[in-house]
Protein backbone atom coordinates (compact mmCIF):
# COMPACT_ATOMS: atom_id res chain seq x y z
CA UNK A 1 116.78 87.74 82.11
CA UNK A 2 116.05 90.94 80.24
CA UNK A 3 117.22 94.21 81.78
CA UNK A 4 114.32 96.44 82.86
CA UNK A 5 114.06 99.50 80.66
CA UNK A 6 110.42 100.54 81.17
CA UNK A 7 108.73 102.31 84.08
CA UNK A 8 105.06 102.87 84.66
CA UNK A 9 104.09 105.94 86.69
CA UNK A 10 100.37 105.83 87.62
CA UNK A 11 99.17 109.34 88.46
CA UNK A 12 95.44 109.22 87.70
CA UNK A 13 94.24 109.88 91.27
CA UNK A 14 92.11 112.85 92.28
CA UNK A 15 94.52 114.34 94.81
CA UNK A 16 91.67 115.05 97.24
CA UNK A 17 94.01 115.43 100.24
CA UNK A 18 95.23 118.67 98.68
CA UNK A 19 91.86 120.15 97.73
CA UNK A 20 91.11 122.91 96.83
CA UNK A 21 94.66 123.47 95.50
CA UNK A 22 94.49 120.35 93.29
CA UNK A 23 90.96 120.90 92.01
CA UNK A 24 92.54 122.37 88.84
CA UNK A 25 96.26 121.60 89.18
CA UNK A 26 97.48 117.98 89.12
CA UNK A 27 98.87 117.20 92.58
CA UNK A 28 101.97 115.68 90.98
CA UNK A 29 102.73 119.01 89.30
CA UNK A 30 103.04 120.84 92.62
CA UNK A 31 106.72 121.84 93.02
CA UNK A 32 109.01 120.43 95.66
CA UNK A 33 111.04 123.64 95.97
CA UNK A 34 111.35 124.34 92.24
CA UNK A 35 110.69 120.95 90.61
CA UNK A 36 107.37 119.16 90.22
CA UNK A 37 107.06 115.90 92.18
CA UNK A 38 106.41 114.00 88.96
CA UNK A 39 109.65 115.25 87.41
CA UNK A 40 111.65 114.12 90.43
CA UNK A 41 110.16 110.64 90.10
CA UNK A 42 110.88 110.56 86.36
CA UNK A 43 114.48 111.59 87.05
CA UNK A 44 114.75 108.76 89.59
CA UNK A 45 113.71 106.26 86.94
CA UNK A 46 116.10 107.64 84.34
CA UNK A 47 119.02 107.63 86.78
CA UNK A 48 118.26 103.90 87.31
CA UNK A 49 118.65 103.20 83.59
CA UNK A 50 115.03 103.46 82.45
CA UNK A 51 114.62 104.57 78.85
CA UNK A 52 110.84 104.45 78.44
CA UNK A 53 108.39 106.00 80.92
CA UNK A 54 104.67 105.35 80.67
CA UNK A 55 102.48 107.86 82.52
CA UNK A 56 98.94 106.74 83.34
CA UNK A 57 96.91 109.90 83.79
CA UNK A 58 93.29 110.88 84.20
CA UNK A 59 91.57 113.05 81.55
CA UNK A 60 91.99 116.08 83.84
CA UNK A 61 95.78 115.75 84.11
CA UNK A 62 96.89 116.93 80.69
CA UNK A 63 99.41 119.26 82.40
CA UNK A 64 101.59 116.19 83.06
CA UNK A 65 101.50 115.37 79.32
CA UNK A 66 102.41 118.96 78.48
CA UNK A 67 105.29 119.02 80.99
CA UNK A 68 107.08 116.11 79.33
CA UNK A 69 106.23 117.00 75.71
CA UNK A 70 108.33 119.44 73.60
CA UNK A 71 106.82 122.92 73.09
CA UNK A 72 108.44 124.35 69.94
CA UNK A 73 106.78 127.75 70.32
CA UNK A 74 107.98 128.20 73.89
CA UNK A 75 111.45 126.97 73.01
CA UNK A 76 111.67 129.38 70.08
CA UNK A 77 110.56 132.27 72.30
CA UNK A 78 113.11 131.44 74.99
CA UNK A 79 115.84 131.16 72.36
CA UNK A 80 114.81 134.52 70.82
CA UNK A 81 115.01 136.21 74.21
CA UNK A 82 118.34 134.65 75.10
CA UNK A 83 116.94 132.62 78.00
CA UNK A 84 119.50 129.86 77.45
CA UNK A 85 119.42 128.46 80.98
CA UNK A 86 115.62 128.13 80.98
CA UNK A 87 115.69 126.66 77.47
CA UNK A 88 118.26 124.08 78.51
CA UNK A 89 116.19 123.06 81.51
CA UNK A 90 113.06 122.70 79.42
CA UNK A 91 114.80 120.55 76.78
CA UNK A 92 116.48 118.42 79.43
CA UNK A 93 113.04 117.42 80.74
CA UNK A 94 111.62 116.36 77.41
CA UNK A 95 114.84 114.68 76.24
CA UNK A 96 115.54 112.55 79.35
CA UNK A 97 113.54 109.53 78.14
CA UNK A 98 110.92 108.36 75.70
CA UNK A 99 107.57 109.26 77.24
CA UNK A 100 104.26 107.51 76.60
CA UNK A 101 100.81 108.40 77.94
CA UNK A 102 97.79 106.30 78.68
CA UNK A 103 94.52 107.56 80.15
CA UNK A 104 92.50 105.87 82.87
CA UNK A 105 89.02 107.23 82.22
CA UNK A 106 87.40 105.64 85.27
CA UNK A 107 89.18 105.29 88.66
CA UNK A 108 89.03 101.50 89.12
CA UNK A 109 92.01 100.96 91.37
CA UNK A 110 95.79 101.16 91.22
CA UNK A 111 96.06 97.77 89.53
CA UNK A 112 93.67 98.89 86.80
CA UNK A 113 95.80 102.01 86.27
CA UNK A 114 98.90 99.86 85.80
CA UNK A 115 97.07 97.68 83.29
CA UNK A 116 96.42 100.76 81.14
CA UNK A 117 100.04 100.34 80.01
CA UNK A 118 99.77 96.68 79.05
CA UNK A 119 100.03 97.32 75.30
CA UNK A 120 103.52 98.68 75.84
CA UNK A 121 104.80 95.79 77.96
CA UNK A 122 105.85 92.42 76.50
CA UNK A 123 104.47 89.19 78.02
CA UNK A 124 107.90 88.15 79.37
CA UNK A 125 108.97 91.63 80.48
CA UNK A 126 109.39 92.89 84.04
CA UNK A 127 108.73 96.58 84.71
CA UNK A 128 109.42 99.24 87.30
CA UNK A 129 106.33 100.89 88.84
CA UNK A 130 106.64 104.20 90.69
CA UNK A 131 103.60 105.82 92.19
CA UNK A 132 103.36 109.60 92.36
CA UNK A 133 103.52 110.27 96.11
CA UNK A 134 106.77 108.78 97.39
CA UNK A 135 110.17 110.43 97.21
CA UNK A 136 113.30 108.86 98.66
CA UNK A 137 116.56 110.81 98.85
CA UNK A 138 119.61 108.59 99.37
CA UNK A 139 122.44 111.09 99.10
CA UNK A 140 125.19 108.59 99.81
CA UNK A 141 124.14 105.83 97.45
CA UNK A 142 121.72 104.38 94.88
CA UNK A 143 118.27 105.87 94.59
CA UNK A 144 115.15 103.86 95.44
CA UNK A 145 114.56 102.64 91.87
CA UNK A 146 118.18 101.49 91.67
CA UNK A 147 117.83 99.64 94.96
CA UNK A 148 114.79 97.73 93.62
CA UNK A 149 116.37 96.97 90.26
CA UNK A 150 119.52 95.69 91.94
CA UNK A 151 117.52 93.22 94.03
CA UNK A 152 115.57 92.08 90.97
CA UNK A 153 118.84 91.60 89.01
CA UNK A 154 120.16 89.50 91.91
CA UNK A 155 117.07 87.35 92.44
CA UNK A 156 114.92 87.58 89.31
CA UNK A 157 111.97 88.21 91.64
CA UNK A 158 109.39 90.95 92.00
CA UNK A 159 110.53 93.52 94.54
CA UNK A 160 108.67 95.91 96.85
CA UNK A 161 110.19 98.99 98.48
CA UNK A 162 109.63 99.08 102.25
CA UNK A 163 110.08 101.44 105.15
CA UNK A 164 109.77 101.13 108.91
CA UNK A 165 106.83 102.99 110.51
CA UNK A 166 105.60 103.54 114.04
CA UNK A 167 103.26 100.74 115.17
CA UNK A 168 100.42 103.20 115.73
CA UNK A 169 100.58 104.05 112.01
CA UNK A 170 100.29 100.53 110.58
CA UNK A 171 96.62 101.10 109.79
CA UNK A 172 97.71 103.56 107.10
CA UNK A 173 99.84 101.10 105.09
CA UNK A 174 100.18 97.65 103.63
CA UNK A 175 102.35 95.80 106.13
CA UNK A 176 104.56 92.83 105.29
CA UNK A 177 106.14 89.89 107.08
CA UNK A 178 109.43 88.71 105.64
CA UNK A 179 112.39 86.53 106.57
CA UNK A 180 116.05 87.50 106.95
CA UNK A 181 116.69 86.96 103.22
CA UNK A 182 114.07 89.58 102.33
CA UNK A 183 111.50 87.09 101.05
CA UNK A 184 107.99 88.30 101.86
CA UNK A 185 105.67 85.67 103.29
CA UNK A 186 102.46 87.69 103.54
CA UNK A 187 100.97 91.15 103.19
CA UNK A 188 98.26 92.60 105.41
CA UNK A 189 96.47 95.66 104.10
CA UNK A 190 96.13 98.47 106.71
CA UNK A 191 96.05 96.29 109.84
CA UNK A 192 95.24 97.65 113.26
CA UNK A 193 98.44 98.03 115.32
CA UNK A 194 97.67 94.99 117.46
CA UNK A 195 97.15 92.81 114.37
CA UNK A 196 100.13 94.02 112.31
CA UNK A 197 102.71 91.29 111.63
CA UNK A 198 105.48 93.91 111.71
CA UNK A 199 106.08 97.63 111.38
CA UNK A 200 107.54 97.23 107.86
CA UNK A 201 105.33 99.15 105.44
CA UNK A 202 105.01 99.18 101.65
CA UNK A 203 106.20 102.26 99.82
CA UNK A 204 104.80 103.02 96.37
CA UNK A 205 107.72 101.65 94.34
CA UNK A 206 107.85 98.15 92.82
CA UNK A 207 109.46 95.82 90.29
CA UNK A 208 106.70 93.64 88.84
CA UNK A 209 107.46 90.39 87.05
CA UNK A 210 105.18 88.79 84.39
CA UNK A 211 103.63 86.64 87.17
CA UNK A 212 102.25 89.77 88.86
CA UNK A 213 101.06 91.07 85.50
CA UNK A 214 99.12 87.87 84.87
CA UNK A 215 97.56 88.09 88.32
CA UNK A 216 96.55 91.69 87.72
CA UNK A 217 94.81 90.73 84.49
CA UNK A 218 93.06 87.85 86.28
CA UNK A 219 91.62 90.36 88.73
CA UNK A 220 89.76 92.17 85.98
CA UNK A 221 86.05 91.42 85.78
CA UNK A 222 83.67 91.74 82.83
CA UNK A 223 82.28 95.25 82.40
CA UNK A 224 84.76 96.55 85.01
CA UNK A 225 82.44 95.95 87.97
CA UNK A 226 85.10 96.17 90.69
CA UNK A 227 88.47 97.69 91.40
CA UNK A 228 91.69 95.95 90.42
CA UNK A 229 94.14 96.27 93.27
CA UNK A 230 97.87 95.73 93.06
CA UNK A 231 98.05 94.36 96.62
CA UNK A 232 95.69 91.51 95.63
CA UNK A 233 97.85 90.53 92.68
CA UNK A 234 101.01 90.68 94.83
CA UNK A 235 99.38 88.58 97.55
CA UNK A 236 98.46 85.95 95.01
CA UNK A 237 102.00 86.06 93.58
CA UNK A 238 103.46 85.17 96.99
CA UNK A 239 102.18 81.61 96.47
CA UNK A 240 103.67 81.34 92.97
CA UNK A 241 107.13 82.90 93.18
CA UNK A 242 109.43 84.70 95.58
CA UNK A 243 108.63 88.34 96.16
CA UNK A 244 111.45 90.35 97.67
CA UNK A 245 111.20 93.19 100.15
CA UNK A 246 113.79 95.97 99.98
CA UNK A 247 113.99 98.29 102.99
CA UNK A 248 114.68 101.71 101.52
CA UNK A 249 118.02 103.33 102.14
CA UNK A 250 117.64 107.10 102.43
CA UNK A 251 115.04 109.59 103.66
CA UNK A 252 111.49 108.90 102.54
CA UNK A 253 108.85 111.60 102.03
CA UNK A 254 105.13 111.06 101.46
CA UNK A 255 104.27 113.97 99.20
CA UNK A 256 100.63 112.91 99.12
CA UNK A 257 100.40 114.19 102.69
CA UNK A 258 100.55 117.92 103.37
CA UNK A 259 103.13 117.64 106.13
CA UNK A 260 105.17 115.20 104.08
CA UNK A 261 105.07 117.52 101.11
CA UNK A 262 106.23 120.43 103.25
CA UNK A 263 109.05 118.32 104.69
CA UNK A 264 110.15 117.32 101.17
CA UNK A 265 110.14 120.94 100.04
CA UNK A 266 112.26 122.06 102.98
CA UNK A 267 114.66 119.16 102.41
CA UNK A 268 115.15 119.86 98.69
CA UNK A 269 115.46 123.60 99.34
CA UNK A 270 118.25 122.84 101.79
CA UNK A 271 120.03 120.75 99.16
CA UNK A 272 119.97 123.65 96.72
CA UNK A 273 120.77 126.43 99.15
């Protein structure tokens, strides 16, 4: 089994929950204390051993491209002015991995966004997928990406990061049922509390095997007439191979939500100060 070295980070969404602030600024570029959300997620991937990161962006999110691309003029100016600390921080961002960019011109679902990176993924290759809203801080141990990759290395299966939520919130998440070994038996998308099979919810971090990739591609329709959804491909994969659930160790923050973003900012500020 090949080690996983590639991560896909789909960040092509509109960020409407943060309008008007994100009408011009990519939501993922908003800083958690002093670091953009997207950089924290990229660091998570790199700390887990990822060497190549593929960002899937919309045409309006060129700021993400610029953030991870060297800027020789800026670097020369910082060097001229003796701003060595700032220069080191800028270079550390652009040097942490090999970055690739693909553009999703039309918002046709999260699965379609992932497929934008297909030309960079081999047919027999598993990949890490980290969406742009979820941060997990596990101070005492492995980060969320490392937790997923460890389960994949152990089982060879696709893996989904999970968290426990209040039953009254199940309608906001994909909810799973799984056995004591972590094998997921089914996924219910945003069930009413009374219909939820559990209170174990999907977080936006995954390891996807080639089986899931094939199912994603099978969801595409001629002329792109409907959305391609990752949950549909995962649900189909449940009947073809084991899919593992990994309950996240650490504190999880939903930075796509205003209160979650504020909580993450206060948490990271406390770590620094």
